[in-house]
Amino acid sequence: MRRKVRRQVAAGIAASAASGNVRGVYSEQIGQQSSRATFPRMAEPREFEGSFETRLSKPPEEVYAFLVDLPQTPRWRFHLGSVSWIDDGETCVGRRFSVQLSFGPWRKMALQGEVTVYEPPMRFSYRITDGPLKAENEYVVTPDGAGGAFFTMTGRAGMPGILMRVASPLITRAYGRTTRRELRRLSEILA
């Protein structure tokens, strides 16, 4: 089983390397061994995490403004049906939002989250506080030296239950593929 997982990870590394300007970082613990590659990481049987980076042609301030406008997120994140602010006012630490996720016609989830870091124009983080999915995401935007920006998205997510325990390798691979597609879509929107 471990050899099969390693072969799947190696295939993911090759596919990721050929995918263009979107990179992912993966670190996996298997027993006492660890490896680094370009793919999401299983933190434990019910949780996974990954970090992905892409270069965007817009200046960092424009990229950051787009990213922290959470109701815009469904334009580039595929499984989000909608995102809306619960609290009125300016974006700040503690501001709450609601999310409607859709995984095909059979699985929809309502979640609530809150902003945990708001440091314009560089860092933005949030976490899901209510719902079946527990997640944390951090966005870091830095200048690329040529008028554009590097965008790094780091996230961790998990769900309780047998599904994550049994299907976690498949879900982890799908997370990596979907995130790379989302970052390509973000690059198109911010072109």
C-alpha atoms as a PDB file:
ATOM      1  CA  MET A   1       0.000   0.000   0.000  1.00  0.00           C
ATOM      2  CA  ARG A   2       2.761   2.476   0.900  1.00  0.00           C
ATOM      3  CA  ARG A   3       4.543   1.788  -2.389  1.00  0.00           C
ATOM      4  CA  LYS A   4       1.323   2.446  -4.283  1.00  0.00           C
ATOM      5  CA  VAL A   5       0.893   5.759  -2.432  1.00  0.00           C
ATOM      6  CA  ARG A   6       4.498   6.702  -3.208  1.00  0.00           C
ATOM      7  CA  ARG A   7       3.956   5.920  -6.922  1.00  0.00           C
ATOM      8  CA  GLN A   8       0.807   8.061  -6.906  1.00  0.00           C
ATOM      9  CA  VAL A   9       2.719  10.896  -5.235  1.00  0.00           C
ATOM     10  CA  ALA A  10       5.523  10.587  -7.814  1.00  0.00           C
ATOM     11  CA  ALA A  11       2.935  10.775 -10.626  1.00  0.00           C
ATOM     12  CA  GLY A  12       1.457  13.874  -8.967  1.00  0.00           C
ATOM     13  CA  ILE A  13       4.907  15.471  -8.798  1.00  0.00           C
ATOM     14  CA  ALA A  14       5.484  14.914 -12.508  1.00  0.00           C
ATOM     15  CA  ALA A  15       2.036  16.260 -13.412  1.00  0.00           C
ATOM     16  CA  SER A  16       2.496  19.290 -11.184  1.00  0.00           C
ATOM     17  CA  ALA A  17       5.908  20.093 -12.619  1.00  0.00           C
ATOM     18  CA  ALA A  18       4.447  20.023 -16.130  1.00  0.00           C
ATOM     19  CA  SER A  19       1.462  22.208 -15.231  1.00  0.00           C
ATOM     20  CA  GLY A  20       3.090  25.608 -15.742  1.00  0.00           C
ATOM     21  CA  ASN A  21       3.455  28.454 -13.289  1.00  0.00           C
ATOM     22  CA  VAL A  22       1.360  26.937 -10.472  1.00  0.00           C
ATOM     23  CA  ARG A  23       3.419  25.131  -7.860  1.00  0.00           C
ATOM     24  CA  GLY A  24       2.328  23.125  -4.856  1.00  0.00           C
ATOM     25  CA  VAL A  25       4.371  22.048  -1.887  1.00  0.00           C
ATOM     26  CA  TYR A  26       3.713  18.713  -0.264  1.00  0.00           C
ATOM     27  CA  SER A  27       5.169  17.107   2.799  1.00  0.00           C
ATOM     28  CA  GLU A  28       4.001  13.688   3.904  1.00  0.00           C
ATOM     29  CA  GLN A  29       4.701  11.732   7.077  1.00  0.00           C
ATOM     30  CA  ILE A  30       4.651   7.965   6.588  1.00  0.00           C
ATOM     31  CA  GLY A  31       5.585   6.346   9.854  1.00  0.00           C
ATOM     32  CA  GLN A  32       9.030   7.739  10.701  1.00  0.00           C
ATOM     33  CA  GLN A  33       9.859   8.652   7.073  1.00  0.00           C
ATOM     34  CA  SER A  34       9.100  11.988   5.486  1.00  0.00           C
ATOM     35  CA  SER A  35       9.297  13.240   1.923  1.00  0.00           C
ATOM     36  CA  ARG A  36       8.829  16.575   0.142  1.00  0.00           C
ATOM     37  CA  ALA A  37       7.186  16.950  -3.212  1.00  0.00           C
ATOM     38  CA  THR A  38       4.729  19.132  -5.116  1.00  0.00           C
ATOM     39  CA  PHE A  39       1.369  17.837  -3.915  1.00  0.00           C
ATOM     40  CA  PRO A  40      -1.023  18.328  -0.946  1.00  0.00           C
ATOM     41  CA  ARG A  41      -0.144  16.673   2.363  1.00  0.00           C
ATOM     42  CA  MET A  42      -2.092  14.336   4.592  1.00  0.00           C
ATOM     43  CA  ALA A  43      -1.602  15.677   8.094  1.00  0.00           C
ATOM     44  CA  GLU A  44      -3.522  12.794   9.656  1.00  0.00           C
ATOM     45  CA  PRO A  45      -6.127  10.333   8.363  1.00  0.00           C
ATOM     46  CA  ARG A  46      -8.912  12.941   8.576  1.00  0.00           C
ATOM     47  CA  GLU A  47      -7.043  16.101   7.584  1.00  0.00           C
ATOM     48  CA  PHE A  48      -4.973  17.346   4.664  1.00  0.00           C
ATOM     49  CA  GLU A  49      -3.036  20.489   3.873  1.00  0.00           C
ATOM     50  CA  GLY A  50      -1.224  22.059   0.977  1.00  0.00           C
ATOM     51  CA  SER A  51       0.542  25.213  -0.107  1.00  0.00           C
ATOM     52  CA  PHE A  52       0.334  26.516  -3.653  1.00  0.00           C
ATOM     53  CA  GLU A  53       1.950  29.485  -5.362  1.00  0.00           C
ATOM     54  CA  THR A  54       1.352  31.286  -8.623  1.00  0.00           C
ATOM     55  CA  ARG A  55       2.518  34.494 -10.267  1.00  0.00           C
ATOM     56  CA  LEU A  56      -0.140  37.056 -11.173  1.00  0.00           C
ATOM     57  CA  SER A  57       0.303  39.995 -13.541  1.00  0.00           C
ATOM     58  CA  LYS A  58      -1.609  42.544 -11.424  1.00  0.00           C
ATOM     59  CA  PRO A  59       0.162  44.607  -8.728  1.00  0.00           C
ATOM     60  CA  PRO A  60       0.058  43.187  -5.172  1.00  0.00           C
ATOM     61  CA  GLU A  61      -2.440  45.804  -3.957  1.00  0.00           C
ATOM     62  CA  GLU A  62      -4.982  44.850  -6.658  1.00  0.00           C
ATOM     63  CA  VAL A  63      -4.482  41.132  -6.049  1.00  0.00           C
ATOM     64  CA  TYR A  64      -4.941  41.570  -2.299  1.00  0.00           C
ATOM     65  CA  ALA A  65      -8.082  43.716  -2.755  1.00  0.00           C
ATOM     66  CA  PHE A  66      -9.624  41.038  -4.993  1.00  0.00           C
ATOM     67  CA  LEU A  67      -8.749  38.184  -2.616  1.00  0.00           C
ATOM     68  CA  VAL A  68     -10.168  39.815   0.532  1.00  0.00           C
ATOM     69  CA  ASP A  69     -13.433  40.633  -1.251  1.00  0.00           C
ATOM     70  CA  LEU A  70     -14.784  37.229  -0.197  1.00  0.00           C
ATOM     71  CA  PRO A  71     -18.078  37.455  -2.156  1.00  0.00           C
ATOM     72  CA  GLN A  72     -15.849  37.361  -5.297  1.00  0.00           C
ATOM     73  CA  THR A  73     -14.291  34.046  -4.247  1.00  0.00           C
ATOM     74  CA  PRO A  74     -16.778  31.809  -6.153  1.00  0.00           C
ATOM     75  CA  ARG A  75     -15.493  33.360  -9.385  1.00  0.00           C
ATOM     76  CA  TRP A  76     -12.245  31.412  -8.970  1.00  0.00           C
ATOM     77  CA  ARG A  77     -12.944  28.735  -6.308  1.00  0.00           C
ATOM     78  CA  PHE A  78     -14.993  26.026  -8.055  1.00  0.00           C
ATOM     79  CA  HIS A  79     -16.915  24.414  -5.179  1.00  0.00           C
ATOM     80  CA  LEU A  80     -18.137  27.646  -3.630  1.00  0.00           C
ATOM     81  CA  GLY A  81     -21.736  28.393  -4.467  1.00  0.00           C
ATOM     82  CA  SER A  82     -21.706  31.672  -2.563  1.00  0.00           C
ATOM     83  CA  VAL A  83     -19.823  33.611   0.089  1.00  0.00           C
ATOM     84  CA  SER A  84     -21.383  36.525   1.960  1.00  0.00           C
ATOM     85  CA  TRP A  85     -20.443  38.670   4.916  1.00  0.00           C
ATOM     86  CA  ILE A  86     -22.515  38.157   8.067  1.00  0.00           C
ATOM     87  CA  ASP A  87     -21.194  41.303   9.742  1.00  0.00           C
ATOM     88  CA  ASP A  88     -21.515  44.777   8.265  1.00  0.00           C
ATOM     89  CA  GLY A  89     -18.518  47.060   8.020  1.00  0.00           C
ATOM     90  CA  GLU A  90     -14.942  46.942   6.876  1.00  0.00           C
ATOM     91  CA  THR A  91     -12.921  43.742   6.635  1.00  0.00           C
ATOM     92  CA  CYS A  92     -11.027  43.184   9.889  1.00  0.00           C
ATOM     93  CA  VAL A  93      -9.943  40.386  12.215  1.00  0.00           C
ATOM     94  CA  GLY A  94     -13.047  38.734  13.642  1.00  0.00           C
ATOM     95  CA  ARG A  95     -15.371  39.659  10.770  1.00  0.00           C
ATOM     96  CA  ARG A  96     -17.653  36.710  10.041  1.00  0.00           C
ATOM     97  CA  PHE A  97     -18.870  35.255   6.751  1.00  0.00           C
ATOM     98  CA  SER A  98     -21.054  32.411   5.482  1.00  0.00           C
ATOM     99  CA  VAL A  99     -20.158  29.941   2.734  1.00  0.00           C
ATOM    100  CA  GLN A 100     -22.283  27.588   0.652  1.00  0.00           C
ATOM    101  CA  LEU A 101     -20.181  24.706  -0.717  1.00  0.00           C
ATOM    102  CA  SER A 102     -21.399  22.411  -3.469  1.00  0.00           C
ATOM    103  CA  PHE A 103     -19.812  19.054  -4.334  1.00  0.00           C
ATOM    104  CA  GLY A 104     -22.079  17.970  -7.145  1.00  0.00           C
ATOM    105  CA  PRO A 105     -25.862  17.703  -6.814  1.00  0.00           C
ATOM    106  CA  TRP A 106     -25.726  15.295  -3.881  1.00  0.00           C
ATOM    107  CA  ARG A 107     -23.583  17.169  -1.349  1.00  0.00           C
ATOM    108  CA  LYS A 108     -24.032  20.742  -0.233  1.00  0.00           C
ATOM    109  CA  MET A 109     -22.639  22.293   2.937  1.00  0.00           C
ATOM    110  CA  ALA A 110     -23.376  25.505   4.788  1.00  0.00           C
ATOM    111  CA  LEU A 111     -20.392  26.844   6.722  1.00  0.00           C
ATOM    112  CA  GLN A 112     -19.487  29.922   8.697  1.00  0.00           C
ATOM    113  CA  GLY A 113     -16.054  31.383   9.159  1.00  0.00           C
ATOM    114  CA  GLU A 114     -14.135  34.324  10.495  1.00  0.00           C
ATOM    115  CA  VAL A 115     -11.176  36.420   9.433  1.00  0.00           C
ATOM    116  CA  THR A 116      -8.144  35.594  11.604  1.00  0.00           C
ATOM    117  CA  VAL A 117      -5.437  37.768   9.984  1.00  0.00           C
ATOM    118  CA  TYR A 118      -5.922  41.004   8.052  1.00  0.00           C
ATOM    119  CA  GLU A 119      -2.634  42.707   7.122  1.00  0.00           C
ATOM    120  CA  PRO A 120      -3.076  44.680   3.860  1.00  0.00           C
ATOM    121  CA  PRO A 121      -1.633  44.345   1.323  1.00  0.00           C
ATOM    122  CA  MET A 122       0.256  41.171   2.210  1.00  0.00           C
ATOM    123  CA  ARG A 123      -1.512  38.629   4.471  1.00  0.00           C
ATOM    124  CA  PHE A 124      -5.074  37.449   4.897  1.00  0.00           C
ATOM    125  CA  SER A 125      -6.252  34.367   6.793  1.00  0.00           C
ATOM    126  CA  TYR A 126      -9.553  32.873   7.763  1.00  0.00           C
ATOM    127  CA  ARG A 127     -10.905  29.743   9.380  1.00  0.00           C
ATOM    128  CA  ILE A 128     -14.166  27.875   9.206  1.00  0.00           C
ATOM    129  CA  THR A 129     -15.757  27.948  12.650  1.00  0.00           C
ATOM    130  CA  ASP A 130     -19.108  26.258  12.106  1.00  0.00           C
ATOM    131  CA  GLY A 131     -20.103  23.364   9.847  1.00  0.00           C
ATOM    132  CA  PRO A 132     -19.041  19.807   9.027  1.00  0.00           C
ATOM    133  CA  LEU A 133     -15.820  20.908   7.300  1.00  0.00           C
ATOM    134  CA  LYS A 134     -13.044  22.424   9.384  1.00  0.00           C
ATOM    135  CA  ALA A 135     -10.597  24.520   7.391  1.00  0.00           C
ATOM    136  CA  GLU A 136      -8.006  27.271   7.639  1.00  0.00           C
ATOM    137  CA  ASN A 137      -6.599  29.228   4.709  1.00  0.00           C
ATOM    138  CA  GLU A 138      -3.888  31.839   4.474  1.00  0.00           C
ATOM    139  CA  TYR A 139      -3.249  34.108   1.487  1.00  0.00           C
ATOM    140  CA  VAL A 140       0.139  35.813   1.142  1.00  0.00           C
ATOM    141  CA  VAL A 141       0.737  38.334  -1.645  1.00  0.00           C
ATOM    142  CA  THR A 142       4.260  39.609  -2.359  1.00  0.00           C
ATOM    143  CA  PRO A 143       5.727  41.741  -5.170  1.00  0.00           C
ATOM    144  CA  ASP A 144       7.413  39.809  -7.961  1.00  0.00           C
ATOM    145  CA  GLY A 145       9.828  42.629  -8.861  1.00  0.00           C
ATOM    146  CA  ALA A 146       8.279  43.111 -12.306  1.00  0.00           C
ATOM    147  CA  GLY A 147       5.046  44.914 -11.385  1.00  0.00           C
ATOM    148  CA  GLY A 148       3.090  41.722 -10.673  1.00  0.00           C
ATOM    149  CA  ALA A 149       2.645  39.604  -7.581  1.00  0.00           C
ATOM    150  CA  PHE A 150       3.335  36.170  -6.211  1.00  0.00           C
ATOM    151  CA  PHE A 151       0.297  34.668  -4.524  1.00  0.00           C
ATOM    152  CA  THR A 152       0.751  31.826  -2.047  1.00  0.00           C
ATOM    153  CA  MET A 153      -2.307  30.020  -0.737  1.00  0.00           C
ATOM    154  CA  THR A 154      -1.812  27.665   2.179  1.00  0.00           C
ATOM    155  CA  GLY A 155      -4.717  25.663   3.481  1.00  0.00           C
ATOM    156  CA  ARG A 156      -5.655  22.856   5.785  1.00  0.00           C
ATOM    157  CA  ALA A 157      -9.019  21.090   5.869  1.00  0.00           C
ATOM    158  CA  GLY A 158     -10.628  18.043   7.345  1.00  0.00           C
ATOM    159  CA  MET A 159     -13.924  16.411   8.188  1.00  0.00           C
ATOM    160  CA  PRO A 160     -14.858  13.958  10.883  1.00  0.00           C
ATOM    161  CA  GLY A 161     -16.138  10.560   9.922  1.00  0.00           C
ATOM    162  CA  ILE A 162     -15.377   7.438   8.022  1.00  0.00           C
ATOM    163  CA  LEU A 163     -15.420   9.108   4.589  1.00  0.00           C
ATOM    164  CA  MET A 164     -12.253  11.122   5.275  1.00  0.00           C
ATOM    165  CA  ARG A 165     -10.555   8.136   6.852  1.00  0.00           C
ATOM    166  CA  VAL A 166     -11.292   5.809   3.934  1.00  0.00           C
ATOM    167  CA  ALA A 167     -11.191   8.222   0.996  1.00  0.00           C
ATOM    168  CA  SER A 168      -8.532  10.652   2.232  1.00  0.00           C
ATOM    169  CA  PRO A 169      -5.888   9.710  -0.396  1.00  0.00           C
ATOM    170  CA  LEU A 170      -8.376  10.353  -3.220  1.00  0.00           C
ATOM    171  CA  ILE A 171      -9.694  13.532  -1.611  1.00  0.00           C
ATOM    172  CA  THR A 172      -6.144  14.794  -1.095  1.00  0.00           C
ATOM    173  CA  ARG A 173      -5.247  14.264  -4.759  1.00  0.00           C
ATOM    174  CA  ALA A 174      -8.485  15.923  -5.867  1.00  0.00           C
ATOM    175  CA  TYR A 175      -7.711  18.888  -3.574  1.00  0.00           C
ATOM    176  CA  GLY A 176      -4.352  19.386  -5.294  1.00  0.00           C
ATOM    177  CA  ARG A 177      -5.813  19.155  -8.799  1.00  0.00           C
ATOM    178  CA  THR A 178      -8.701  21.477  -7.976  1.00  0.00           C
ATOM    179  CA  THR A 179      -6.473  24.063  -6.296  1.00  0.00           C
ATOM    180  CA  ARG A 180      -4.111  24.197  -9.271  1.00  0.00           C
ATOM    181  CA  ARG A 181      -7.117  24.704 -11.588  1.00  0.00           C
ATOM    182  CA  GLU A 182      -8.455  27.419  -9.297  1.00  0.00           C
ATOM    183  CA  LEU A 183      -5.146  29.275  -9.356  1.00  0.00           C
ATOM    184  CA  ARG A 184      -5.068  29.099 -13.151  1.00  0.00           C
ATOM    185  CA  ARG A 185      -8.594  30.552 -13.165  1.00  0.00           C
ATOM    186  CA  LEU A 186      -7.487  33.309 -10.763  1.00  0.00           C
ATOM    187  CA  SER A 187      -4.597  34.098 -13.133  1.00  0.00           C
ATOM    188  CA  GLU A 188      -7.084  34.459 -16.001  1.00  0.00           C
ATOM    189  CA  ILE A 189      -9.385  36.751 -14.001  1.00  0.00           C
ATOM    190  CA  LEU A 190      -6.493  38.957 -12.850  1.00  0.00           C
ATOM    191  CA  ALA A 191      -4.751  39.040 -16.249  1.00  0.00           C
END
